[in-house]
Structure formats: structure tokens, C-alpha cells
């Protein structure tokens, strides 16, 4: 992925609401969630949710598909993984990380706050 696309993807999730929506889509898995369920889970008005979903779709962090009268949104894992790869590809100066350093190992959510 080019750095411009990476910046666009990071910009899309740099907003608290979009980050919350994206995390819900990641948690839902490839099946995704209907827009109505996302509105229910986030407490957002449909017009606000549509705005945030549009930004995620334009940045290719999410995709949508029509199923009958419902629009189902899902995370675009290929974009998410490309962003993660871009951010960590030169981890540890390009040298393989040793198990002792674990410099590129993700910490559980909230672990960094407890330090």
C-alpha cells in the first residue's frame, strides 16, 4: 500500500466515533453488521452514522453490500492488515524481533494504560 493510502486509512480511524465503529466491525467478523445494528450499538443517529461509515468506506477500511433492504458493513481486513504491516515492517531496525524483546507484539487493550 502506498503511504498516501495508509495516511487516509489512519485518518479515517483517527476519529473517536469512527474508531468505535471500525472496532465493532472488526469484532463482528467477515459477516459484518447491518447499519441499523451499528446505530443501536453506538447510539448514533442514522445520519451521523452514515457520515462516519462513508468516511471508513472511502478510506477502504470498511466495505458495504446490499442484502435485501439492509446495508451490511464489514471491516476490510486486507486494508487493516496492510496498515499494520506498514507500521511494523521496519520494527527493530529491520531485524527479527527476539522473543525476549517482543517489541512488535501487541499488548492487550488497556495494558498500556496500567503502567
PDB file of N, CA and C in Angstrom:
ATOM      1  N   UNK A   1       0.836  -1.180   0.000  1.00  0.00           N
ATOM      2  CA  UNK A   1       0.000   0.000   0.000  1.00  0.00           C
ATOM      3  C   UNK A   1       0.877   1.238   0.000  1.00  0.00           C
ATOM      4  N   UNK A   2       0.483   2.239  -0.734  1.00  0.00           N
ATOM      5  CA  UNK A   2       1.240   3.482  -0.775  1.00  0.00           C
ATOM      6  C   UNK A   2       1.002   4.294   0.493  1.00  0.00           C
ATOM      7  N   UNK A   3       1.964   5.136   0.819  1.00  0.00           N
ATOM      8  CA  UNK A   3       1.866   5.897   2.064  1.00  0.00           C
ATOM      9  C   UNK A   3       0.644   6.824   2.078  1.00  0.00           C
ATOM     10  N   UNK A   4       0.201   7.329   0.925  1.00  0.00           N
ATOM     11  CA  UNK A   4      -0.988   8.175   0.888  1.00  0.00           C
ATOM     12  C   UNK A   4      -2.230   7.382   1.309  1.00  0.00           C
ATOM     13  N   UNK A   5      -2.352   6.154   0.842  1.00  0.00           N
ATOM     14  CA  UNK A   5      -3.484   5.304   1.213  1.00  0.00           C
ATOM     15  C   UNK A   5      -3.417   4.938   2.702  1.00  0.00           C
ATOM     16  N   UNK A   6      -2.207   4.711   3.202  1.00  0.00           N
ATOM     17  CA  UNK A   6      -2.029   4.419   4.629  1.00  0.00           C
ATOM     18  C   UNK A   6      -2.485   5.621   5.455  1.00  0.00           C
ATOM     19  N   UNK A   7      -2.057   6.817   5.053  1.00  0.00           N
ATOM     20  CA  UNK A   7      -2.434   8.031   5.778  1.00  0.00           C
ATOM     21  C   UNK A   7      -3.948   8.233   5.756  1.00  0.00           C
ATOM     22  N   UNK A   8      -4.570   7.935   4.625  1.00  0.00           N
ATOM     23  CA  UNK A   8      -6.026   8.062   4.510  1.00  0.00           C
ATOM     24  C   UNK A   8      -6.721   7.075   5.453  1.00  0.00           C
ATOM     25  N   UNK A   9      -6.229   5.851   5.509  1.00  0.00           N
ATOM     26  CA  UNK A   9      -6.813   4.838   6.391  1.00  0.00           C
ATOM     27  C   UNK A   9      -6.644   5.236   7.857  1.00  0.00           C
ATOM     28  N   UNK A  10      -5.456   5.688   8.213  1.00  0.00           N
ATOM     29  CA  UNK A  10      -5.219   6.110   9.594  1.00  0.00           C
ATOM     30  C   UNK A  10      -6.059   7.338   9.938  1.00  0.00           C
ATOM     31  N   UNK A  11      -6.201   8.246   8.976  1.00  0.00           N
ATOM     32  CA  UNK A  11      -7.032   9.425   9.202  1.00  0.00           C
ATOM     33  C   UNK A  11      -8.484   9.059   9.449  1.00  0.00           C
ATOM     34  N   UNK A  12      -8.956   8.048   8.760  1.00  0.00           N
ATOM     35  CA  UNK A  12     -10.351   7.628   8.920  1.00  0.00           C
ATOM     36  C   UNK A  12     -10.624   7.099  10.320  1.00  0.00           C
ATOM     37  N   UNK A  13      -9.678   6.396  10.898  1.00  0.00           N
ATOM     38  CA  UNK A  13      -9.906   5.845  12.242  1.00  0.00           C
ATOM     39  C   UNK A  13      -9.345   6.750  13.339  1.00  0.00           C
ATOM     40  N   UNK A  14      -8.865   7.945  12.955  1.00  0.00           N
ATOM     41  CA  UNK A  14      -8.336   8.887  13.937  1.00  0.00           C
ATOM     42  C   UNK A  14      -9.439   9.701  14.599  1.00  0.00           C
ATOM     43  N   UNK A  15     -10.663   9.349  14.336  1.00  0.00           N
ATOM     44  CA  UNK A  15     -11.814   9.999  14.963  1.00  0.00           C
ATOM     45  C   UNK A  15     -12.437   9.002  15.932  1.00  0.00           C
ATOM     46  N   UNK A  16     -12.762   9.445  17.128  1.00  0.00           N
ATOM     47  CA  UNK A  16     -13.251   8.542  18.176  1.00  0.00           C
ATOM     48  C   UNK A  16     -14.460   7.710  17.734  1.00  0.00           C
ATOM     49  N   UNK A  17     -15.417   8.336  17.081  1.00  0.00           N
ATOM     50  CA  UNK A  17     -16.618   7.605  16.653  1.00  0.00           C
ATOM     51  C   UNK A  17     -16.293   6.589  15.576  1.00  0.00           C
ATOM     52  N   UNK A  18     -15.484   6.993  14.593  1.00  0.00           N
ATOM     53  CA  UNK A  18     -15.137   6.049  13.519  1.00  0.00           C
ATOM     54  C   UNK A  18     -14.302   4.896  14.055  1.00  0.00           C
ATOM     55  N   UNK A  19     -13.445   5.185  15.014  1.00  0.00           N
ATOM     56  CA  UNK A  19     -12.658   4.110  15.628  1.00  0.00           C
ATOM     57  C   UNK A  19     -13.583   3.111  16.321  1.00  0.00           C
ATOM     58  N   UNK A  20     -14.579   3.619  17.031  1.00  0.00           N
ATOM     59  CA  UNK A  20     -15.543   2.739  17.699  1.00  0.00           C
ATOM     60  C   UNK A  20     -16.298   1.886  16.684  1.00  0.00           C
ATOM     61  N   UNK A  21     -16.761   2.514  15.605  1.00  0.00           N
ATOM     62  CA  UNK A  21     -17.495   1.785  14.561  1.00  0.00           C
ATOM     63  C   UNK A  21     -16.593   0.743  13.921  1.00  0.00           C
ATOM     64  N   UNK A  22     -15.352   1.129  13.614  1.00  0.00           N
ATOM     65  CA  UNK A  22     -14.431   0.181  12.987  1.00  0.00           C
ATOM     66  C   UNK A  22     -14.166  -1.010  13.905  1.00  0.00           C
ATOM     67  N   UNK A  23     -13.952  -0.760  15.189  1.00  0.00           N
ATOM     68  CA  UNK A  23     -13.717  -1.862  16.132  1.00  0.00           C
ATOM     69  C   UNK A  23     -14.917  -2.796  16.205  1.00  0.00           C
ATOM     70  N   UNK A  24     -16.123  -2.247  16.163  1.00  0.00           N
ATOM     71  CA  UNK A  24     -17.319  -3.090  16.153  1.00  0.00           C
ATOM     72  C   UNK A  24     -17.360  -3.956  14.899  1.00  0.00           C
ATOM     73  N   UNK A  25     -16.964  -3.379  13.758  1.00  0.00           N
ATOM     74  CA  UNK A  25     -16.947  -4.151  12.522  1.00  0.00           C
ATOM     75  C   UNK A  25     -15.894  -5.251  12.573  1.00  0.00           C
ATOM     76  N   UNK A  26     -14.745  -4.958  13.133  1.00  0.00           N
ATOM     77  CA  UNK A  26     -13.691  -5.978  13.272  1.00  0.00           C
ATOM     78  C   UNK A  26     -14.191  -7.100  14.178  1.00  0.00           C
ATOM     79  N   UNK A  27     -14.830  -6.740  15.283  1.00  0.00           N
ATOM     80  CA  UNK A  27     -15.346  -7.745  16.214  1.00  0.00           C
ATOM     81  C   UNK A  27     -16.442  -8.593  15.589  1.00  0.00           C
ATOM     82  N   UNK A  28     -17.214  -8.008  14.671  1.00  0.00           N
ATOM     83  CA  UNK A  28     -18.308  -8.741  14.026  1.00  0.00           C
ATOM     84  C   UNK A  28     -17.807  -9.792  13.051  1.00  0.00           C
ATOM     85  N   UNK A  29     -16.584  -9.649  12.582  1.00  0.00           N
ATOM     86  CA  UNK A  29     -16.036 -10.618  11.640  1.00  0.00           C
ATOM     87  C   UNK A  29     -16.478 -10.338  10.217  1.00  0.00           C
ATOM     88  N   UNK A  30     -16.148 -11.238   9.306  1.00  0.00           N
ATOM     89  CA  UNK A  30     -16.439 -11.026   7.876  1.00  0.00           C
ATOM     90  C   UNK A  30     -17.933 -10.860   7.563  1.00  0.00           C
ATOM     91  N   UNK A  31     -18.811 -11.398   8.397  1.00  0.00           N
ATOM     92  CA  UNK A  31     -20.249 -11.270   8.142  1.00  0.00           C
ATOM     93  C   UNK A  31     -20.717  -9.825   8.268  1.00  0.00           C
ATOM     94  N   UNK A  32     -20.014  -9.032   9.071  1.00  0.00           N
ATOM     95  CA  UNK A  32     -20.351  -7.631   9.223  1.00  0.00           C
ATOM     96  C   UNK A  32     -21.596  -7.398  10.049  1.00  0.00           C
ATOM     97  N   UNK A  33     -22.066  -6.156  10.005  1.00  0.00           N
ATOM     98  CA  UNK A  33     -23.252  -5.750  10.758  1.00  0.00           C
ATOM     99  C   UNK A  33     -24.125  -4.848   9.899  1.00  0.00           C
ATOM    100  N   UNK A  34     -25.441  -4.970  10.054  1.00  0.00           N
ATOM    101  CA  UNK A  34     -26.313  -4.033   9.357  1.00  0.00           C
ATOM    102  C   UNK A  34     -26.185  -2.638   9.967  1.00  0.00           C
ATOM    103  N   UNK A  35     -26.437  -1.628   9.161  1.00  0.00           N
ATOM    104  CA  UNK A  35     -26.323  -0.249   9.630  1.00  0.00           C
ATOM    105  C   UNK A  35     -27.209   0.000  10.845  1.00  0.00           C
ATOM    106  N   UNK A  36     -28.386  -0.557  10.863  1.00  0.00           N
ATOM    107  CA  UNK A  36     -29.294  -0.383  11.999  1.00  0.00           C
ATOM    108  C   UNK A  36     -28.713  -0.912  13.304  1.00  0.00           C
ATOM    109  N   UNK A  37     -28.051  -2.047  13.239  1.00  0.00           N
ATOM    110  CA  UNK A  37     -27.419  -2.625  14.435  1.00  0.00           C
ATOM    111  C   UNK A  37     -26.260  -1.748  14.890  1.00  0.00           C
ATOM    112  N   UNK A  38     -25.479  -1.220  13.937  1.00  0.00           N
ATOM    113  CA  UNK A  38     -24.389  -0.308  14.289  1.00  0.00           C
ATOM    114  C   UNK A  38     -24.934   0.940  14.974  1.00  0.00           C
ATOM    115  N   UNK A  39     -26.044   1.469  14.473  1.00  0.00           N
ATOM    116  CA  UNK A  39     -26.662   2.644  15.091  1.00  0.00           C
ATOM    117  C   UNK A  39     -27.096   2.326  16.519  1.00  0.00           C
ATOM    118  N   UNK A  40     -27.660   1.146  16.694  1.00  0.00           N
ATOM    119  CA  UNK A  40     -28.104   0.715  18.025  1.00  0.00           C
ATOM    120  C   UNK A  40     -26.917   0.567  18.978  1.00  0.00           C
ATOM    121  N   UNK A  41     -25.853  -0.059  18.517  1.00  0.00           N
ATOM    122  CA  UNK A  41     -24.685  -0.300  19.365  1.00  0.00           C
ATOM    123  C   UNK A  41     -23.935   0.979  19.731  1.00  0.00           C
ATOM    124  N   UNK A  42     -23.934   1.939  18.823  1.00  0.00           N
ATOM    125  CA  UNK A  42     -23.182   3.174  19.056  1.00  0.00           C
ATOM    126  C   UNK A  42     -24.037   4.294  19.630  1.00  0.00           C
ATOM    127  N   UNK A  43     -25.345   4.179  19.479  1.00  0.00           N
ATOM    128  CA  UNK A  43     -26.232   5.242  19.927  1.00  0.00           C
ATOM    129  C   UNK A  43     -26.231   6.446  19.005  1.00  0.00           C
ATOM    130  N   UNK A  44     -25.739   6.266  17.798  1.00  0.00           N
ATOM    131  CA  UNK A  44     -25.671   7.364  16.837  1.00  0.00           C
ATOM    132  C   UNK A  44     -26.964   7.470  16.036  1.00  0.00           C
ATOM    133  N   UNK A  45     -27.303   8.696  15.673  1.00  0.00           N
ATOM    134  CA  UNK A  45     -28.417   8.919  14.757  1.00  0.00           C
ATOM    135  C   UNK A  45     -28.015   8.369  13.394  1.00  0.00           C
ATOM    136  N   UNK A  46     -28.964   7.852  12.624  1.00  0.00           N
ATOM    137  CA  UNK A  46     -28.624   7.283  11.311  1.00  0.00           C
ATOM    138  C   UNK A  46     -27.837   8.229  10.405  1.00  0.00           C
ATOM    139  N   UNK A  47     -28.156   9.516  10.414  1.00  0.00           N
ATOM    140  CA  UNK A  47     -27.438  10.455   9.542  1.00  0.00           C
ATOM    141  C   UNK A  47     -25.982  10.602   9.986  1.00  0.00           C
ATOM    142  N   UNK A  48     -25.731  10.639  11.285  1.00  0.00           N
ATOM    143  CA  UNK A  48     -24.354  10.728  11.789  1.00  0.00           C
ATOM    144  C   UNK A  48     -23.584   9.453  11.474  1.00  0.00           C
ATOM    145  N   UNK A  49     -24.236   8.314  11.686  1.00  0.00           N
ATOM    146  CA  UNK A  49     -23.589   7.038  11.400  1.00  0.00           C
ATOM    147  C   UNK A  49     -23.246   6.939   9.919  1.00  0.00           C
ATOM    148  N   UNK A  50     -24.167   7.363   9.048  1.00  0.00           N
ATOM    149  CA  UNK A  50     -23.912   7.322   7.605  1.00  0.00           C
ATOM    150  C   UNK A  50     -22.678   8.136   7.235  1.00  0.00           C
ATOM    151  N   UNK A  51     -22.529   9.297   7.846  1.00  0.00           N
ATOM    152  CA  UNK A  51     -21.362  10.142   7.586  1.00  0.00           C
ATOM    153  C   UNK A  51     -20.079   9.405   7.949  1.00  0.00           C
ATOM    154  N   UNK A  52     -20.054   8.794   9.135  1.00  0.00           N
ATOM    155  CA  UNK A  52     -18.843   8.106   9.587  1.00  0.00           C
ATOM    156  C   UNK A  52     -18.567   6.846   8.769  1.00  0.00           C
ATOM    157  N   UNK A  53     -19.607   6.110   8.419  1.00  0.00           N
ATOM    158  CA  UNK A  53     -19.422   4.923   7.581  1.00  0.00           C
ATOM    159  C   UNK A  53     -18.891   5.305   6.204  1.00  0.00           C
ATOM    160  N   UNK A  54     -19.389   6.408   5.658  1.00  0.00           N
ATOM    161  CA  UNK A  54     -18.905   6.885   4.352  1.00  0.00           C
ATOM    162  C   UNK A  54     -17.404   7.148   4.409  1.00  0.00           C
ATOM    163  N   UNK A  55     -16.935   7.763   5.477  1.00  0.00           N
ATOM    164  CA  UNK A  55     -15.507   8.045   5.626  1.00  0.00           C
ATOM    165  C   UNK A  55     -14.694   6.751   5.713  1.00  0.00           C
ATOM    166  N   UNK A  56     -15.195   5.765   6.432  1.00  0.00           N
ATOM    167  CA  UNK A  56     -14.494   4.478   6.536  1.00  0.00           C
ATOM    168  C   UNK A  56     -14.458   3.762   5.186  1.00  0.00           C
ATOM    169  N   UNK A  57     -15.560   3.824   4.449  1.00  0.00           N
ATOM    170  CA  UNK A  57     -15.621   3.181   3.133  1.00  0.00           C
ATOM    171  C   UNK A  57     -14.682   3.888   2.157  1.00  0.00           C
ATOM    172  N   UNK A  58     -14.675   5.227   2.152  1.00  0.00           N
ATOM    173  CA  UNK A  58     -13.790   5.971   1.245  1.00  0.00           C
ATOM    174  C   UNK A  58     -12.316   5.681   1.523  1.00  0.00           C
ATOM    175  N   UNK A  59     -11.983   5.428   2.775  1.00  0.00           N
ATOM    176  CA  UNK A  59     -10.604   5.104   3.142  1.00  0.00           C
ATOM    177  C   UNK A  59     -10.310   3.611   2.976  1.00  0.00           C
ATOM    178  N   UNK A  60     -11.297   2.860   2.508  1.00  0.00           N
ATOM    179  CA  UNK A  60     -11.197   1.411   2.292  1.00  0.00           C
ATOM    180  C   UNK A  60     -10.943   0.630   3.581  1.00  0.00           C
ATOM    181  N   UNK A  61     -11.348   1.202   4.708  1.00  0.00           N
ATOM    182  CA  UNK A  61     -11.264   0.488   5.980  1.00  0.00           C
ATOM    183  C   UNK A  61     -12.519  -0.350   6.202  1.00  0.00           C
ATOM    184  N   UNK A  62     -13.582  -0.053   5.465  1.00  0.00           N
ATOM    185  CA  UNK A  62     -14.835  -0.801   5.555  1.00  0.00           C
ATOM    186  C   UNK A  62     -15.418  -0.940   4.163  1.00  0.00           C
ATOM    187  N   UNK A  63     -16.268  -1.931   4.022  1.00  0.00           N
ATOM    188  CA  UNK A  63     -16.982  -2.150   2.771  1.00  0.00           C
ATOM    189  C   UNK A  63     -18.455  -2.338   3.079  1.00  0.00           C
ATOM    190  N   UNK A  64     -19.278  -2.249   2.053  1.00  0.00           N
ATOM    191  CA  UNK A  64     -20.711  -2.435   2.266  1.00  0.00           C
ATOM    192  C   UNK A  64     -21.283  -3.305   1.153  1.00  0.00           C
ATOM    193  N   UNK A  65     -22.373  -3.960   1.496  1.00  0.00           N
ATOM    194  CA  UNK A  65     -23.095  -4.754   0.495  1.00  0.00           C
ATOM    195  C   UNK A  65     -24.578  -4.697   0.835  1.00  0.00           C
ATOM    196  N   UNK A  66     -25.380  -4.757  -0.187  1.00  0.00           N
ATOM    197  CA  UNK A  66     -26.825  -4.728  -0.033  1.00  0.00           C
ATOM    198  C   UNK A  66     -27.319  -6.158   0.139  1.00  0.00           C
ATOM    199  N   UNK A  67     -28.099  -6.387   1.176  1.00  0.00           N
ATOM    200  CA  UNK A  67     -28.755  -7.684   1.385  1.00  0.00           C
ATOM    201  C   UNK A  67     -30.235  -7.408   1.594  1.00  0.00           C
ATOM    202  N   UNK A  68     -30.996  -7.567   0.522  1.00  0.00           N
ATOM    203  CA  UNK A  68     -32.411  -7.215   0.597  1.00  0.00           C
ATOM    204  C   UNK A  68     -32.538  -5.727   0.837  1.00  0.00           C
ATOM    205  N   UNK A  69     -33.251  -5.365   1.887  1.00  0.00           N
ATOM    206  CA  UNK A  69     -33.406  -3.934   2.188  1.00  0.00           C
ATOM    207  C   UNK A  69     -32.392  -3.432   3.202  1.00  0.00           C
ATOM    208  N   UNK A  70     -31.451  -4.272   3.584  1.00  0.00           N
ATOM    209  CA  UNK A  70     -30.435  -3.900   4.559  1.00  0.00           C
ATOM    210  C   UNK A  70     -29.085  -3.652   3.885  1.00  0.00           C
ATOM    211  N   UNK A  71     -28.337  -2.714   4.444  1.00  0.00           N
ATOM    212  CA  UNK A  71     -26.956  -2.490   4.014  1.00  0.00           C
ATOM    213  C   UNK A  71     -26.073  -3.059   5.125  1.00  0.00           C
ATOM    214  N   UNK A  72     -25.224  -4.008   4.745  1.00  0.00           N
ATOM    215  CA  UNK A  72     -24.333  -4.669   5.691  1.00  0.00           C
ATOM    216  C   UNK A  72     -22.937  -4.084   5.516  1.00  0.00           C
ATOM    217  N   UNK A  73     -22.351  -3.649   6.610  1.00  0.00           N
ATOM    218  CA  UNK A  73     -20.997  -3.098   6.593  1.00  0.00           C
ATOM    219  C   UNK A  73     -20.055  -4.100   7.243  1.00  0.00           C
ATOM    220  N   UNK A  74     -18.858  -4.175   6.712  1.00  0.00           N
ATOM    221  CA  UNK A  74     -17.854  -5.066   7.294  1.00  0.00           C
ATOM    222  C   UNK A  74     -16.477  -4.411   7.189  1.00  0.00           C
ATOM    223  N   UNK A  75     -15.604  -4.824   8.087  1.00  0.00           N
ATOM    224  CA  UNK A  75     -14.224  -4.327   8.076  1.00  0.00           C
ATOM    225  C   UNK A  75     -13.521  -4.884   6.847  1.00  0.00           C
ATOM    226  N   UNK A  76     -12.635  -4.100   6.269  1.00  0.00           N
ATOM    227  CA  UNK A  76     -11.798  -4.573   5.170  1.00  0.00           C
ATOM    228  C   UNK A  76     -10.474  -4.981   5.790  1.00  0.00           C
ATOM    229  N   UNK A  77     -10.386  -6.255   6.099  1.00  0.00           N
ATOM    230  CA  UNK A  77      -9.214  -6.778   6.806  1.00  0.00           C
ATOM    231  C   UNK A  77      -7.940  -6.624   5.998  1.00  0.00           C
ATOM    232  N   UNK A  78      -8.043  -6.672   4.665  1.00  0.00           N
ATOM    233  CA  UNK A  78      -6.840  -6.528   3.844  1.00  0.00           C
ATOM    234  C   UNK A  78      -6.234  -5.138   4.026  1.00  0.00           C
ATOM    235  N   UNK A  79      -7.087  -4.120   4.155  1.00  0.00           N
ATOM    236  CA  UNK A  79      -6.575  -2.765   4.396  1.00  0.00           C
ATOM    237  C   UNK A  79      -6.016  -2.662   5.803  1.00  0.00           C
ATOM    238  N   UNK A  80      -6.742  -3.172   6.780  1.00  0.00           N
ATOM    239  CA  UNK A  80      -6.272  -3.145   8.165  1.00  0.00           C
ATOM    240  C   UNK A  80      -4.914  -3.829   8.281  1.00  0.00           C
ATOM    241  N   UNK A  81      -4.768  -4.987   7.664  1.00  0.00           N
ATOM    242  CA  UNK A  81      -3.502  -5.714   7.729  1.00  0.00           C
ATOM    243  C   UNK A  81      -2.389  -4.987   6.983  1.00  0.00           C
ATOM    244  N   UNK A  82      -2.721  -4.321   5.875  1.00  0.00           N
ATOM    245  CA  UNK A  82      -1.710  -3.553   5.147  1.00  0.00           C
ATOM    246  C   UNK A  82      -1.213  -2.386   5.995  1.00  0.00           C
ATOM    247  N   UNK A  83      -2.118  -1.733   6.722  1.00  0.00           N
ATOM    248  CA  UNK A  83      -1.725  -0.633   7.614  1.00  0.00           C
ATOM    249  C   UNK A  83      -0.821  -1.161   8.724  1.00  0.00           C
ATOM    250  N   UNK A  84      -1.210  -2.272   9.331  1.00  0.00           N
ATOM    251  CA  UNK A  84      -0.388  -2.848  10.403  1.00  0.00           C
ATOM    252  C   UNK A  84       0.982  -3.266   9.888  1.00  0.00           C
ATOM    253  N   UNK A  85       1.019  -3.850   8.704  1.00  0.00           N
ATOM    254  CA  UNK A  85       2.289  -4.247   8.106  1.00  0.00           C
ATOM    255  C   UNK A  85       3.163  -3.029   7.844  1.00  0.00           C
ATOM    256  N   UNK A  86       2.568  -1.988   7.296  1.00  0.00           N
ATOM    257  CA  UNK A  86       3.308  -0.755   7.019  1.00  0.00           C
ATOM    258  C   UNK A  86       3.907  -0.186   8.307  1.00  0.00           C
ATOM    259  N   UNK A  87       3.129  -0.177   9.371  1.00  0.00           N
ATOM    260  CA  UNK A  87       3.585   0.406  10.631  1.00  0.00           C
ATOM    261  C   UNK A  87       4.672  -0.418  11.313  1.00  0.00           C
ATOM    262  N   UNK A  88       4.703  -1.714  11.048  1.00  0.00           N
ATOM    263  CA  UNK A  88       5.647  -2.577  11.754  1.00  0.00           C
ATOM    264  C   UNK A  88       6.729  -3.191  10.875  1.00  0.00           C
ATOM    265  N   UNK A  89       6.744  -2.869   9.578  1.00  0.00           N
ATOM    266  CA  UNK A  89       7.680  -3.548   8.684  1.00  0.00           C
ATOM    267  C   UNK A  89       9.142  -3.286   9.007  1.00  0.00           C
ATOM    268  N   UNK A  90       9.455  -2.169   9.614  1.00  0.00           N
ATOM    269  CA  UNK A  90      10.841  -1.892   9.979  1.00  0.00           C
ATOM    270  C   UNK A  90      11.056  -1.943  11.487  1.00  0.00           C
ATOM    271  N   UNK A  91      10.203  -2.667  12.154  1.00  0.00           N
ATOM    272  CA  UNK A  91      10.310  -2.827  13.600  1.00  0.00           C
ATOM    273  C   UNK A  91      11.683  -3.401  13.948  1.00  0.00           C
ATOM    274  N   UNK A  92      12.255  -2.939  15.015  1.00  0.00           N
ATOM    275  CA  UNK A  92      13.556  -3.420  15.493  1.00  0.00           C
ATOM    276  C   UNK A  92      14.651  -3.216  14.451  1.00  0.00           C
ATOM    277  N   UNK A  93      14.585  -2.119  13.718  1.00  0.00           N
ATOM    278  CA  UNK A  93      15.616  -1.809  12.731  1.00  0.00           C
ATOM    279  C   UNK A  93      15.681  -2.793  11.590  1.00  0.00           C
ATOM    280  N   UNK A  94      14.579  -3.463  11.299  1.00  0.00           N
ATOM    281  CA  UNK A  94      14.552  -4.430  10.208  1.00  0.00           C
ATOM    282  C   UNK A  94      15.070  -5.801  10.600  1.00  0.00           C
ATOM    283  N   UNK A  95      15.493  -5.945  11.850  1.00  0.00           N
ATOM    284  CA  UNK A  95      15.979  -7.237  12.339  1.00  0.00           C
ATOM    285  C   UNK A  95      14.828  -8.003  12.965  1.00  0.00           C
ATOM    286  N   UNK A  96      14.863  -9.319  12.876  1.00  0.00           N
ATOM    287  CA  UNK A  96      13.802 -10.096  13.513  1.00  0.00           C
ATOM    288  C   UNK A  96      13.777  -9.812  15.014  1.00  0.00           C
ATOM    289  N   UNK A  97      12.588  -9.691  15.535  1.00  0.00           N
ATOM    290  CA  UNK A  97      12.443  -9.445  16.971  1.00  0.00           C
ATOM    291  C   UNK A  97      12.738 -10.734  17.736  1.00  0.00           C
ATOM    292  N   UNK A  98      13.436 -10.582  18.821  1.00  0.00           N
ATOM    293  CA  UNK A  98      13.677 -11.751  19.664  1.00  0.00           C
ATOM    294  C   UNK A  98      12.486 -11.925  20.591  1.00  0.00           C
ATOM    295  N   UNK A  99      12.214 -13.151  20.992  1.00  0.00           N
ATOM    296  CA  UNK A  99      11.091 -13.363  21.917  1.00  0.00           C
ATOM    297  C   UNK A  99      11.270 -12.581  23.218  1.00  0.00           C
ATOM    298  N   UNK A 100      12.503 -12.328  23.610  1.00  0.00           N
ATOM    299  CA  UNK A 100      12.743 -11.605  24.852  1.00  0.00           C
ATOM    300  C   UNK A 100      12.341 -10.138  24.737  1.00  0.00           C
ATOM    301  N   UNK A 101      12.561  -9.534  23.563  1.00  0.00           N
ATOM    302  CA  UNK A 101      12.249  -8.113  23.438  1.00  0.00           C
ATOM    303  C   UNK A 101      10.773  -7.882  23.147  1.00  0.00           C
ATOM    304  N   UNK A 102      10.181  -8.739  22.354  1.00  0.00           N
ATOM    305  CA  UNK A 102       8.766  -8.649  21.983  1.00  0.00           C
ATOM    306  C   UNK A 102       8.371  -7.228  21.605  1.00  0.00           C
ATOM    307  N   UNK A 103       9.258  -6.533  20.899  1.00  0.00           N
ATOM    308  CA  UNK A 103       8.994  -5.131  20.580  1.00  0.00           C
ATOM    309  C   UNK A 103       7.788  -4.940  19.678  1.00  0.00           C
ATOM    310  N   UNK A 104       7.463  -5.905  18.865  1.00  0.00           N
ATOM    311  CA  UNK A 104       6.345  -5.748  17.932  1.00  0.00           C
ATOM    312  C   UNK A 104       5.118  -6.548  18.352  1.00  0.00           C
ATOM    313  N   UNK A 105       5.143  -7.118  19.507  1.00  0.00           N
ATOM    314  CA  UNK A 105       3.998  -7.880  19.985  1.00  0.00           C
ATOM    315  C   UNK A 105       2.942  -6.925  20.515  1.00  0.00           C
ATOM    316  N   UNK A 106       1.697  -7.038  20.072  1.00  0.00           N
ATOM    317  CA  UNK A 106       0.664  -6.149  20.591  1.00  0.00           C
ATOM    318  C   UNK A 106       0.343  -6.467  22.046  1.00  0.00           C
ATOM    319  N   UNK A 107       0.061  -5.430  22.817  1.00  0.00           N
ATOM    320  CA  UNK A 107      -0.332  -5.614  24.207  1.00  0.00           C
ATOM    321  C   UNK A 107      -1.838  -5.715  24.254  1.00  0.00           C
ATOM    322  N   UNK A 108      -2.379  -6.406  25.246  1.00  0.00           N
ATOM    323  CA  UNK A 108      -3.840  -6.440  25.384  1.00  0.00           C
ATOM    324  C   UNK A 108      -4.366  -5.017  25.563  1.00  0.00           C
ATOM    325  N   UNK A 109      -5.564  -4.773  25.082  1.00  0.00           N
ATOM    326  CA  UNK A 109      -6.180  -3.451  25.208  1.00  0.00           C
ATOM    327  C   UNK A 109      -6.227  -3.062  26.674  1.00  0.00           C
ATOM    328  N   UNK A 110      -5.801  -1.859  26.956  1.00  0.00           N
ATOM    329  CA  UNK A 110      -5.819  -1.370  28.328  1.00  0.00           C
ATOM    330  C   UNK A 110      -4.542  -1.632  29.085  1.00  0.00           C
ATOM    331  N   UNK A 111      -3.676  -2.521  28.579  1.00  0.00           N
ATOM    332  CA  UNK A 111      -2.431  -2.861  29.290  1.00  0.00           C
ATOM    333  C   UNK A 111      -1.500  -1.658  29.382  1.00  0.00           C
ATOM    334  N   UNK A 112      -1.435  -0.878  28.310  1.00  0.00           N
ATOM    335  CA  UNK A 112      -0.533   0.274  28.316  1.00  0.00           C
ATOM    336  C   UNK A 112      -0.997   1.334  29.305  1.00  0.00           C
ATOM    337  N   UNK A 113      -2.285   1.417  29.558  1.00  0.00           N
ATOM    338  CA  UNK A 113      -2.803   2.416  30.480  1.00  0.00           C
ATOM    339  C   UNK A 113      -2.462   2.079  31.923  1.00  0.00           C
ATOM    340  N   UNK A 114      -2.239   0.812  32.219  1.00  0.00           N
ATOM    341  CA  UNK A 114      -1.990   0.394  33.601  1.00  0.00           C
ATOM    342  C   UNK A 114      -0.560   0.649  34.057  1.00  0.00           C
ATOM    343  N   UNK A 115       0.299   1.012  33.136  1.00  0.00           N
ATOM    344  CA  UNK A 115       1.699   1.202  33.500  1.00  0.00           C
ATOM    345  C   UNK A 115       1.913   2.426  34.320  1.00  0.00           C
TER     346      UNK A 115
END
